Protein backbone atom coordinates (compact mmCIF):
# COMPACT_ATOMS: atom_id res chain seq x y z
CA MET A 1 -124.87 -16.44 -76.52
CA ALA A 2 -127.31 -18.36 -78.64
CA LEU A 3 -127.48 -22.11 -78.50
CA TYR A 4 -127.26 -24.46 -81.46
CA ILE A 5 -128.04 -28.09 -82.15
CA THR A 6 -125.23 -30.37 -83.26
CA ASP A 7 -125.47 -33.19 -85.78
CA GLU A 8 -125.70 -35.60 -82.85
CA CYS A 9 -129.42 -34.67 -82.72
CA ILE A 10 -131.66 -37.74 -82.90
CA ASN A 11 -134.83 -35.80 -83.83
CA CYS A 12 -136.59 -36.92 -80.68
CA ASP A 13 -138.93 -33.89 -80.77
CA VAL A 14 -138.60 -32.99 -77.07
CA CYS A 15 -136.77 -29.66 -77.40
CA GLU A 16 -139.09 -27.84 -79.79
CA PRO A 17 -142.14 -27.55 -77.51
CA GLU A 18 -139.95 -26.49 -74.56
CA CYS A 19 -138.68 -23.32 -76.25
CA PRO A 20 -140.67 -20.32 -74.98
CA ASN A 21 -139.51 -18.15 -77.91
CA ASP A 22 -140.32 -20.64 -80.68
CA ALA A 23 -136.67 -20.51 -81.71
CA ILE A 24 -136.46 -24.25 -82.39
CA SER A 25 -137.82 -25.75 -85.59
CA GLU A 26 -137.35 -28.76 -87.80
CA GLY A 27 -134.47 -28.34 -90.21
CA GLU A 28 -133.74 -30.42 -93.28
CA GLU A 29 -132.10 -33.20 -91.29
CA ILE A 30 -132.10 -32.16 -87.63
CA TYR A 31 -133.76 -29.53 -85.46
CA VAL A 32 -132.29 -26.03 -85.69
CA ILE A 33 -132.27 -22.97 -83.42
CA ASP A 34 -132.86 -19.48 -84.80
CA PRO A 35 -130.17 -17.37 -83.08
CA GLN A 36 -132.31 -14.24 -83.54
CA LEU A 37 -134.96 -15.79 -81.26
CA CYS A 38 -132.78 -17.72 -78.81
CA THR A 39 -132.38 -15.97 -75.47
CA GLU A 40 -131.19 -19.11 -73.63
CA CYS A 41 -134.58 -18.80 -71.89
CA VAL A 42 -133.53 -15.51 -70.24
CA GLY A 43 -136.75 -13.76 -69.32
CA HIS A 44 -138.59 -17.07 -68.97
CA TYR A 45 -136.48 -19.55 -66.99
CA ASP A 46 -133.20 -19.74 -65.08
CA GLU A 47 -131.74 -22.34 -67.46
CA PRO A 48 -132.21 -23.17 -71.14
CA GLN A 49 -135.09 -25.61 -71.23
CA CYS A 50 -133.96 -27.33 -74.43
CA GLN A 51 -130.66 -28.28 -72.78
CA GLN A 52 -132.54 -29.63 -69.78
CA VAL A 53 -134.69 -32.03 -71.81
CA CYS A 54 -132.22 -33.09 -74.51
CA PRO A 55 -131.47 -36.81 -74.03
CA VAL A 56 -128.22 -36.73 -76.03
CA ASP A 57 -126.78 -33.43 -74.77
CA CYS A 58 -126.40 -31.97 -78.27
CA ILE A 59 -127.33 -28.32 -77.57
CA PRO A 60 -124.19 -26.38 -76.61
CA HIS A 61 -123.55 -22.63 -76.55
CA ASP A 62 -122.58 -21.20 -79.92
CA PRO A 63 -119.10 -19.67 -79.46
CA SER A 64 -119.60 -17.55 -82.59
CA ARG A 65 -122.62 -15.79 -81.01
CA VAL A 66 -121.44 -14.57 -77.61
CA GLU A 67 -124.05 -12.50 -75.76
CA SER A 68 -124.14 -11.29 -72.17
CA LYS A 69 -127.14 -11.79 -69.87
CA VAL A 70 -127.98 -8.11 -70.42
CA GLN A 71 -127.95 -8.58 -74.19
CA LEU A 72 -130.09 -11.71 -73.88
CA GLN A 73 -132.55 -9.81 -71.67
CA ASP A 74 -132.70 -6.99 -74.24
CA LYS A 75 -133.35 -9.54 -77.00
CA TYR A 76 -136.10 -11.12 -74.88
CA GLU A 77 -137.75 -7.72 -74.37
CA ARG A 78 -137.61 -6.98 -78.13
CA ILE A 79 -139.18 -10.37 -78.91
CA MET A 80 -141.96 -9.83 -76.38
CA ALA A 81 -142.65 -6.30 -77.68
CA ALA A 82 -142.91 -7.61 -81.25
CA GLN A 83 -145.43 -10.24 -80.15
CA ALA A 84 -147.63 -7.70 -78.36
């Protein structure tokens, strides 16, 4: 399941550098997460790093993009292979 950033985002800039897949970027008004790159840090960390550092807790799971740990691992492996 990809994560997303709600409109409660205060643009504090702490989540973007924590994302190991470069899935977080500045949007028009708030930061956004590319669901094609978000693996919830599977393959890198035990927990999503953006959620850990967010001071306003505005990065929930996206219920419209449900993915299992196996699917997230597969996505991680595809991303890593494309970067090689």
